[in-house]
C-alpha atoms as a PDB file:
ATOM      1  CA  MET A   1     137.876 119.323  78.069  1.00  0.00           C
ATOM      2  CA  LEU A   2     134.521 119.192  76.337  1.00  0.00           C
ATOM      3  CA  ASN A   3     133.623 122.749  77.337  1.00  0.00           C
ATOM      4  CA  VAL A   4     136.871 124.154  75.912  1.00  0.00           C
ATOM      5  CA  ALA A   5     136.277 122.318  72.641  1.00  0.00           C
ATOM      6  CA  VAL A   6     132.662 123.526  72.487  1.00  0.00           C
ATOM      7  CA  ARG A   7     133.809 127.133  72.819  1.00  0.00           C
ATOM      8  CA  ALA A   8     136.372 126.550  70.066  1.00  0.00           C
ATOM      9  CA  ALA A   9     133.728 125.007  67.783  1.00  0.00           C
ATOM     10  CA  ARG A  10     131.341 127.905  68.314  1.00  0.00           C
ATOM     11  CA  ALA A  11     134.112 130.434  67.607  1.00  0.00           C
ATOM     12  CA  ALA A  12     134.908 128.609  64.364  1.00  0.00           C
ATOM     13  CA  GLY A  13     131.201 128.549  63.541  1.00  0.00           C
ATOM     14  CA  ARG A  14     131.056 132.334  63.841  1.00  0.00           C
ATOM     15  CA  ILE A  15     133.935 132.672  61.368  1.00  0.00           C
ATOM     16  CA  ILE A  16     132.156 130.394  58.912  1.00  0.00           C
ATOM     17  CA  THR A  17     128.799 132.150  59.299  1.00  0.00           C
ATOM     18  CA  ARG A  18     130.295 135.590  58.692  1.00  0.00           C
ATOM     19  CA  ALA A  19     132.133 134.327  55.615  1.00  0.00           C
ATOM     20  CA  ALA A  20     128.945 132.756  54.232  1.00  0.00           C
ATOM     21  CA  LEU A  21     127.453 136.235  53.881  1.00  0.00           C
ATOM     22  CA  ASP A  22     129.904 137.088  51.089  1.00  0.00           C
ATOM     23  CA  LEU A  23     130.896 133.893  49.316  1.00  0.00           C
ATOM     24  CA  ASP A  24     132.067 135.686  46.175  1.00  0.00           C
ATOM     25  CA  SER A  25     134.998 137.227  48.045  1.00  0.00           C
ATOM     26  CA  ILE A  26     136.341 133.934  49.405  1.00  0.00           C
ATOM     27  CA  LYS A  27     139.538 132.530  47.934  1.00  0.00           C
ATOM     28  CA  VAL A  28     139.204 128.876  46.966  1.00  0.00           C
ATOM     29  CA  ALA A  29     142.056 126.485  46.179  1.00  0.00           C
ATOM     30  CA  ARG A  30     141.963 122.907  44.927  1.00  0.00           C
ATOM     31  CA  LYS A  31     143.900 120.383  47.049  1.00  0.00           C
ATOM     32  CA  GLN A  32     143.160 117.528  44.676  1.00  0.00           C
ATOM     33  CA  ARG A  33     140.364 116.512  42.335  1.00  0.00           C
ATOM     34  CA  ASN A  34     136.979 117.312  43.946  1.00  0.00           C
ATOM     35  CA  ASP A  35     138.660 118.423  47.198  1.00  0.00           C
ATOM     36  CA  PHE A  36     138.712 122.134  47.955  1.00  0.00           C
ATOM     37  CA  VAL A  37     140.070 124.375  50.687  1.00  0.00           C
ATOM     38  CA  THR A  38     139.240 128.000  51.429  1.00  0.00           C
ATOM     39  CA  GLU A  39     140.726 130.705  53.615  1.00  0.00           C
ATOM     40  CA  VAL A  40     137.718 130.040  55.849  1.00  0.00           C
ATOM     41  CA  ASP A  41     138.814 126.423  56.451  1.00  0.00           C
ATOM     42  CA  ARG A  42     142.258 127.661  57.453  1.00  0.00           C
ATOM     43  CA  ALA A  43     140.972 130.460  59.688  1.00  0.00           C
ATOM     44  CA  SER A  44     138.534 128.101  61.376  1.00  0.00           C
ATOM     45  CA  GLU A  45     141.232 125.507  62.026  1.00  0.00           C
ATOM     46  CA  ALA A  46     143.674 128.104  63.344  1.00  0.00           C
ATOM     47  CA  THR A  47     141.034 129.360  65.773  1.00  0.00           C
ATOM     48  CA  ILE A  48     140.266 125.864  67.034  1.00  0.00           C
ATOM     49  CA  ILE A  49     143.898 124.825  67.440  1.00  0.00           C
ATOM     50  CA  GLY A  50     144.776 128.144  69.077  1.00  0.00           C
ATOM     51  CA  ALA A  51     142.055 127.748  71.698  1.00  0.00           C
ATOM     52  CA  LEU A  52     142.875 124.112  72.428  1.00  0.00           C
ATOM     53  CA  LYS A  53     146.632 124.653  72.502  1.00  0.00           C
ATOM     54  CA  GLN A  54     146.234 127.480  74.994  1.00  0.00           C
ATOM     55  CA  ALA A  55     144.320 125.148  77.314  1.00  0.00           C
ATOM     56  CA  TYR A  56     146.353 121.994  76.597  1.00  0.00           C
ATOM     57  CA  PRO A  57     149.854 122.977  75.401  1.00  0.00           C
ATOM     58  CA  ASP A  58     151.194 119.398  75.516  1.00  0.00           C
ATOM     59  CA  HIS A  59     148.462 117.918  73.340  1.00  0.00           C
ATOM     60  CA  ALA A  60     148.932 116.915  69.702  1.00  0.00           C
ATOM     61  CA  PHE A  61     146.690 117.846  66.771  1.00  0.00           C
ATOM     62  CA  LEU A  62     145.568 116.220  63.539  1.00  0.00           C
ATOM     63  CA  GLY A  63     143.800 118.772  61.359  1.00  0.00           C
ATOM     64  CA  GLU A  64     142.567 118.517  57.808  1.00  0.00           C
ATOM     65  CA  GLU A  65     144.508 121.626  56.790  1.00  0.00           C
ATOM     66  CA  SER A  66     147.467 121.584  59.210  1.00  0.00           C
ATOM     67  CA  GLY A  67     148.200 117.887  59.150  1.00  0.00           C
ATOM     68  CA  HIS A  68     149.794 116.176  62.164  1.00  0.00           C
ATOM     69  CA  LEU A  69     151.187 118.564  64.763  1.00  0.00           C
ATOM     70  CA  PRO A  70     152.962 116.439  67.400  1.00  0.00           C
ATOM     71  CA  GLY A  71     152.554 117.236  71.062  1.00  0.00           C
ATOM     72  CA  ARG A  72     155.056 116.477  73.794  1.00  0.00           C
ATOM     73  CA  LEU A  73     156.115 113.267  72.034  1.00  0.00           C
ATOM     74  CA  ASP A  74     156.498 112.736  68.294  1.00  0.00           C
ATOM     75  CA  VAL A  75     154.443 109.550  67.854  1.00  0.00           C
ATOM     76  CA  PRO A  76     151.877 108.459  65.223  1.00  0.00           C
ATOM     77  CA  PRO A  77     148.365 109.835  65.816  1.00  0.00           C
ATOM     78  CA  GLN A  78     147.051 106.402  66.800  1.00  0.00           C
ATOM     79  CA  GLU A  79     149.588 106.217  69.636  1.00  0.00           C
ATOM     80  CA  ALA A  80     149.376 109.777  70.964  1.00  0.00           C
ATOM     81  CA  GLU A  81     148.419 110.178  74.598  1.00  0.00           C
ATOM     82  CA  ASN A  82     146.142 113.121  73.709  1.00  0.00           C
ATOM     83  CA  ILE A  83     145.411 114.197  70.131  1.00  0.00           C
ATOM     84  CA  TRP A  84     142.661 116.488  68.855  1.00  0.00           C
ATOM     85  CA  ILE A  85     141.297 115.442  65.459  1.00  0.00           C
ATOM     86  CA  ILE A  86     139.787 118.435  63.673  1.00  0.00           C
ATOM     87  CA  ASP A  87     137.766 119.125  60.554  1.00  0.00           C
ATOM     88  CA  PRO A  88     137.327 122.907  60.628  1.00  0.00           C
ATOM     89  CA  LEU A  89     134.730 122.920  57.849  1.00  0.00           C
ATOM     90  CA  ASP A  90     133.332 119.544  56.855  1.00  0.00           C
ATOM     91  CA  GLY A  91     131.388 120.077  53.646  1.00  0.00           C
ATOM     92  CA  THR A  92     133.595 122.732  52.039  1.00  0.00           C
ATOM     93  CA  THR A  93     132.156 122.087  48.580  1.00  0.00           C
ATOM     94  CA  ASN A  94     128.660 122.694  49.941  1.00  0.00           C
ATOM     95  CA  PHE A  95     129.867 125.856  51.679  1.00  0.00           C
ATOM     96  CA  ILE A  96     131.436 127.455  48.601  1.00  0.00           C
ATOM     97  CA  HIS A  97     128.228 126.800  46.646  1.00  0.00           C
ATOM     98  CA  GLY A  98     126.008 128.309  49.324  1.00  0.00           C
ATOM     99  CA  LEU A  99     124.426 124.976  50.235  1.00  0.00           C
ATOM    100  CA  PRO A 100     123.834 125.140  54.015  1.00  0.00           C
ATOM    101  CA  GLN A 101     124.982 121.616  54.880  1.00  0.00           C
ATOM    102  CA  TYR A 102     128.362 121.781  56.606  1.00  0.00           C
ATOM    103  CA  CYS A 103     129.769 121.687  60.100  1.00  0.00           C
ATOM    104  CA  VAL A 104     132.729 121.912  62.452  1.00  0.00           C
ATOM    105  CA  SER A 105     134.012 118.591  63.822  1.00  0.00           C
ATOM    106  CA  ILE A 106     136.350 118.190  66.817  1.00  0.00           C
ATOM    107  CA  ALA A 107     137.315 114.972  68.596  1.00  0.00           C
ATOM    108  CA  LEU A 108     139.806 114.113  71.326  1.00  0.00           C
ATOM    109  CA  MET A 109     141.524 110.748  70.968  1.00  0.00           C
ATOM    110  CA  GLN A 110     143.430 109.415  73.965  1.00  0.00           C
ATOM    111  CA  LYS A 111     145.740 106.453  73.368  1.00  0.00           C
ATOM    112  CA  GLY A 112     143.723 105.382  70.336  1.00  0.00           C
ATOM    113  CA  VAL A 113     140.273 105.850  71.876  1.00  0.00           C
ATOM    114  CA  VAL A 114     137.989 108.786  71.068  1.00  0.00           C
ATOM    115  CA  THR A 115     136.773 110.199  74.381  1.00  0.00           C
ATOM    116  CA  GLN A 116     135.272 113.596  73.494  1.00  0.00           C
ATOM    117  CA  ALA A 117     133.297 114.690  70.428  1.00  0.00           C
ATOM    118  CA  ILE A 118     131.728 117.861  69.101  1.00  0.00           C
ATOM    119  CA  VAL A 119     129.932 118.362  65.804  1.00  0.00           C
ATOM    120  CA  TYR A 120     128.554 121.881  65.371  1.00  0.00           C
ATOM    121  CA  ASP A 121     126.166 122.922  62.602  1.00  0.00           C
ATOM    122  CA  PRO A 122     126.302 126.750  62.521  1.00  0.00           C
ATOM    123  CA  ASN A 123     123.389 127.058  60.094  1.00  0.00           C
ATOM    124  CA  ARG A 124     120.912 125.421  62.459  1.00  0.00           C
ATOM    125  CA  ASP A 125     122.817 126.210  65.668  1.00  0.00           C
ATOM    126  CA  GLU A 126     122.791 122.487  66.436  1.00  0.00           C
ATOM    127  CA  LEU A 127     125.525 121.363  68.788  1.00  0.00           C
ATOM    128  CA  TYR A 128     126.111 117.610  69.050  1.00  0.00           C
ATOM    129  CA  THR A 129     128.341 116.512  71.933  1.00  0.00           C
ATOM    130  CA  ALA A 130     129.478 113.292  73.548  1.00  0.00           C
ATOM    131  CA  SER A 131     131.878 112.185  76.262  1.00  0.00           C
ATOM    132  CA  LYS A 132     132.787 108.511  76.435  1.00  0.00           C
ATOM    133  CA  GLY A 133     130.497 106.705  78.837  1.00  0.00           C
ATOM    134  CA  ARG A 134     128.199 109.689  79.351  1.00  0.00           C
ATOM    135  CA  GLY A 135     125.853 109.600  76.375  1.00  0.00           C
ATOM    136  CA  ALA A 136     125.298 111.823  73.346  1.00  0.00           C
ATOM    137  CA  PHE A 137     123.445 115.117  73.265  1.00  0.00           C
ATOM    138  CA  LEU A 138     121.960 117.621  70.842  1.00  0.00           C
ATOM    139  CA  ASN A 139     121.806 121.083  72.404  1.00  0.00           C
ATOM    140  CA  ASP A 140     121.788 119.491  75.899  1.00  0.00           C
ATOM    141  CA  ARG A 141     119.001 117.049  74.987  1.00  0.00           C
ATOM    142  CA  ARG A 142     119.890 113.359  75.188  1.00  0.00           C
ATOM    143  CA  ILE A 143     119.724 111.639  71.807  1.00  0.00           C
ATOM    144  CA  ARG A 144     119.406 107.999  70.767  1.00  0.00           C
ATOM    145  CA  VAL A 145     119.736 106.157  67.480  1.00  0.00           C
ATOM    146  CA  ALA A 146     116.543 105.181  65.681  1.00  0.00           C
ATOM    147  CA  ALA A 147     114.511 102.270  67.007  1.00  0.00           C
ATOM    148  CA  ASN A 148     113.924 100.865  63.521  1.00  0.00           C
ATOM    149  CA  ALA A 149     114.965  97.227  63.181  1.00  0.00           C
ATOM    150  CA  ARG A 150     114.466  96.635  59.450  1.00  0.00           C
ATOM    151  CA  LEU A 151     116.716  97.698  56.586  1.00  0.00           C
ATOM    152  CA  GLU A 152     113.648  97.663  54.326  1.00  0.00           C
ATOM    153  CA  GLU A 153     112.239 100.572  56.352  1.00  0.00           C
ATOM    154  CA  ALA A 154     115.536 102.418  56.820  1.00  0.00           C
ATOM    155  CA  LEU A 155     116.636 105.828  55.623  1.00  0.00           C
ATOM    156  CA  VAL A 156     120.359 105.524  54.921  1.00  0.00           C
ATOM    157  CA  GLY A 157     122.906 108.298  54.491  1.00  0.00           C
ATOM    158  CA  THR A 158     125.924 107.892  52.249  1.00  0.00           C
ATOM    159  CA  GLY A 159     128.703 109.781  50.514  1.00  0.00           C
ATOM    160  CA  PHE A 160     130.504 109.293  47.221  1.00  0.00           C
ATOM    161  CA  PRO A 161     134.275 108.562  47.302  1.00  0.00           C
ATOM    162  CA  PHE A 162     135.049 112.010  45.919  1.00  0.00           C
ATOM    163  CA  ARG A 163     138.724 111.939  46.903  1.00  0.00           C
ATOM    164  CA  LYS A 164     139.319 108.477  45.423  1.00  0.00           C
ATOM    165  CA  VAL A 165     137.436 108.179  42.167  1.00  0.00           C
ATOM    166  CA  GLU A 166     139.171 104.845  41.531  1.00  0.00           C
ATOM    167  CA  GLU A 167     136.835 103.456  44.224  1.00  0.00           C
ATOM    168  CA  ILE A 168     133.700 104.496  42.350  1.00  0.00           C
ATOM    169  CA  ASP A 169     132.906 101.068  40.862  1.00  0.00           C
ATOM    170  CA  ARG A 170     133.170  99.372  44.253  1.00  0.00           C
ATOM    171  CA  TYR A 171     131.083 102.116  45.812  1.00  0.00           C
ATOM    172  CA  LEU A 172     128.389 101.892  43.145  1.00  0.00           C
ATOM    173  CA  ALA A 173     128.039  98.159  43.827  1.00  0.00           C
ATOM    174  CA  LEU A 174     127.464  98.956  47.510  1.00  0.00           C
ATOM    175  CA  PHE A 175     125.081 101.774  46.595  1.00  0.00           C
ATOM    176  CA  LYS A 176     123.077  99.461  44.336  1.00  0.00           C
ATOM    177  CA  ALA A 177     122.824  96.796  47.025  1.00  0.00           C
ATOM    178  CA  VAL A 178     121.545  99.276  49.628  1.00  0.00           C
ATOM    179  CA  SER A 179     119.204 101.068  47.228  1.00  0.00           C
ATOM    180  CA  GLU A 180     117.529  97.743  46.402  1.00  0.00           C
ATOM    181  CA  LYS A 181     116.884  97.038  50.092  1.00  0.00           C
ATOM    182  CA  ALA A 182     116.463 100.323  51.981  1.00  0.00           C
ATOM    183  CA  ALA A 183     113.518 102.710  52.015  1.00  0.00           C
ATOM    184  CA  GLY A 184     115.696 105.615  50.888  1.00  0.00           C
ATOM    185  CA  LEU A 185     119.247 106.920  50.390  1.00  0.00           C
ATOM    186  CA  ARG A 186     120.537 110.458  50.970  1.00  0.00           C
ATOM    187  CA  ARG A 187     123.874 112.097  50.117  1.00  0.00           C
ATOM    188  CA  PRO A 188     124.085 115.608  51.651  1.00  0.00           C
ATOM    189  CA  GLY A 189     127.897 115.866  51.524  1.00  0.00           C
ATOM    190  CA  ALA A 190     129.206 116.308  55.090  1.00  0.00           C
ATOM    191  CA  ALA A 191     130.133 112.995  56.710  1.00  0.00           C
ATOM    192  CA  ALA A 192     130.524 114.335  60.254  1.00  0.00           C
ATOM    193  CA  LEU A 193     127.014 115.761  60.123  1.00  0.00           C
ATOM    194  CA  ASP A 194     125.691 112.532  58.577  1.00  0.00           C
ATOM    195  CA  LEU A 195     127.073 110.584  61.531  1.00  0.00           C
ATOM    196  CA  ALA A 196     125.507 113.074  63.927  1.00  0.00           C
ATOM    197  CA  TYR A 197     122.193 112.453  62.173  1.00  0.00           C
ATOM    198  CA  VAL A 198     122.579 108.721  62.807  1.00  0.00           C
ATOM    199  CA  ALA A 199     123.140 109.493  66.491  1.00  0.00           C
ATOM    200  CA  ALA A 200     120.022 111.659  66.562  1.00  0.00           C
ATOM    201  CA  GLY A 201     117.882 109.022  64.840  1.00  0.00           C
ATOM    202  CA  ARG A 202     117.409 111.045  61.653  1.00  0.00           C
ATOM    203  CA  TYR A 203     119.156 108.330  59.657  1.00  0.00           C
ATOM    204  CA  ASP A 204     118.975 104.642  60.462  1.00  0.00           C
ATOM    205  CA  ALA A 205     122.480 104.111  59.073  1.00  0.00           C
ATOM    206  CA  PHE A 206     125.321 105.746  57.166  1.00  0.00           C
ATOM    207  CA  PHE A 207     128.179 104.386  55.063  1.00  0.00           C
ATOM    208  CA  GLU A 208     131.021 105.844  53.033  1.00  0.00           C
ATOM    209  CA  ILE A 209     134.462 104.925  51.718  1.00  0.00           C
ATOM    210  CA  GLY A 210     137.464 107.146  51.058  1.00  0.00           C
ATOM    211  CA  LEU A 211     137.150 109.049  54.348  1.00  0.00           C
ATOM    212  CA  MET A 212     139.835 110.542  56.576  1.00  0.00           C
ATOM    213  CA  PRO A 213     140.085 110.466  60.396  1.00  0.00           C
ATOM    214  CA  TRP A 214     138.763 114.021  60.776  1.00  0.00           C
ATOM    215  CA  ASP A 215     135.653 113.043  58.814  1.00  0.00           C
ATOM    216  CA  VAL A 216     134.621 110.300  61.242  1.00  0.00           C
ATOM    217  CA  ALA A 217     136.319 110.645  64.642  1.00  0.00           C
ATOM    218  CA  ALA A 218     133.764 112.877  66.364  1.00  0.00           C
ATOM    219  CA  GLY A 219     130.733 111.389  64.650  1.00  0.00           C
ATOM    220  CA  SER A 220     131.727 107.849  65.556  1.00  0.00           C
ATOM    221  CA  LEU A 221     131.656 108.619  69.287  1.00  0.00           C
ATOM    222  CA  LEU A 222     128.299 110.379  68.918  1.00  0.00           C
ATOM    223  CA  VAL A 223     126.828 107.244  67.357  1.00  0.00           C
ATOM    224  CA  SER A 224     128.236 104.796  69.896  1.00  0.00           C
ATOM    225  CA  GLU A 225     127.204 106.991  72.835  1.00  0.00           C
ATOM    226  CA  ALA A 226     123.708 107.231  71.333  1.00  0.00           C
ATOM    227  CA  GLY A 227     123.393 103.441  71.397  1.00  0.00           C
ATOM    228  CA  GLY A 228     124.480 102.706  67.836  1.00  0.00           C
ATOM    229  CA  LEU A 229     127.257 100.639  66.318  1.00  0.00           C
ATOM    230  CA  VAL A 230     130.205 101.924  64.281  1.00  0.00           C
ATOM    231  CA  GLY A 231     132.832 100.038  62.318  1.00  0.00           C
ATOM    232  CA  ASN A 232     134.255  99.497  58.888  1.00  0.00           C
ATOM    233  CA  LEU A 233     132.176  97.923  56.131  1.00  0.00           C
ATOM    234  CA  GLN A 234     132.902  94.472  57.533  1.00  0.00           C
ATOM    235  CA  GLY A 235     131.584  95.563  60.917  1.00  0.00           C
ATOM    236  CA  ASP A 236     135.007  95.573  62.585  1.00  0.00           C
ATOM    237  CA  GLY A 237     136.125  98.343  64.930  1.00  0.00           C
ATOM    238  CA  ASP A 238     138.894  99.691  62.698  1.00  0.00           C
ATOM    239  CA  HIS A 239     137.135 102.638  61.058  1.00  0.00           C
ATOM    240  CA  ILE A 240     138.831 105.912  62.012  1.00  0.00           C
ATOM    241  CA  PHE A 241     142.040 105.194  60.089  1.00  0.00           C
ATOM    242  CA  SER A 242     140.689 102.660  57.582  1.00  0.00           C
ATOM    243  CA  GLU A 243     139.138 105.217  55.181  1.00  0.00           C
ATOM    244  CA  GLN A 244     135.688 103.636  55.466  1.00  0.00           C
ATOM    245  CA  VAL A 245     132.835 103.709  57.927  1.00  0.00           C
ATOM    246  CA  LEU A 246     129.506 102.053  58.570  1.00  0.00           C
ATOM    247  CA  ALA A 247     127.310 103.312  61.399  1.00  0.00           C
ATOM    248  CA  GLY A 248     123.757 102.667  62.405  1.00  0.00           C
ATOM    249  CA  ALA A 249     121.118 101.424  64.773  1.00  0.00           C
ATOM    250  CA  PRO A 250     122.265  97.957  65.956  1.00  0.00           C
ATOM    251  CA  LYS A 251     119.896  95.739  63.966  1.00  0.00           C
ATOM    252  CA  VAL A 252     120.169  97.794  60.773  1.00  0.00           C
ATOM    253  CA  PHE A 253     123.958  97.870  61.185  1.00  0.00           C
ATOM    254  CA  GLY A 254     124.023  94.063  61.329  1.00  0.00           C
ATOM    255  CA  GLN A 255     121.838  93.741  58.253  1.00  0.00           C
ATOM    256  CA  MET A 256     124.088  96.116  56.299  1.00  0.00           C
ATOM    257  CA  VAL A 257     127.220  94.199  57.302  1.00  0.00           C
ATOM    258  CA  ALA A 258     125.563  91.030  56.017  1.00  0.00           C
ATOM    259  CA  LEU A 259     124.470  92.785  52.822  1.00  0.00           C
ATOM    260  CA  PHE A 260     127.943  94.212  52.139  1.00  0.00           C
ATOM    261  CA  GLY A 261     129.393  90.743  52.669  1.00  0.00           C
ATOM    262  CA  GLN A 262     127.453  89.604  49.616  1.00  0.00           C
ATOM    263  CA  VAL A 263     128.690  92.418  47.353  1.00  0.00           C
ATOM    264  CA  ARG A 264     131.481  91.480  44.979  1.00  0.00           C
END
């Protein structure tokens, strides 16, 4: 299954890379405030779903642009026997501005558990993959979360709640708490890639609120298979459908859970 999804991700990456050569000709639409979609997002998603559906015709799909496409049985995504969760272009705002920080994200969830994950960065040709119980890899090289054990020495990734601006005050309180403790904070703008960076040890932790399942499904498996912890802001396992995520090296993760518990 992983190999089929990798081929689909690379095919989508080629579509994105070709389109990036002529950004002025791309049609952009606004889905909601601060949330954009392009013809490239749609073409990428159609390519991914087409490839996966050909290989697995009974599987269901949950795509950012297509929504929920039931498989053999019409059940909620959390209950599907096999459902592919797809972000065809995570970081669309970056893409349309020519900022090379975006990726393709594909995950397979089976009966509520993510078992396969791919995050592909076409700009750097970096392919992050994971299969449950088999570890996480970057271009076939095994990766692990950072060994750092102290929040005071941590580089933390984050993202603003751009879809839900009503959450901004809560987010800023969290941001302030982390900025007062951590060594540094970064906000590149593509959550799936941020989670992959946690898995690769480039970040010590990452947190964001206002996320959707396709933002976090693949990245969450990468982190856990790389030896990290993933949950919601309280540290619980409900993060894919809870619109919030915290991920990190185990000791830093625990310190951030404790820190967030003090934020009011």
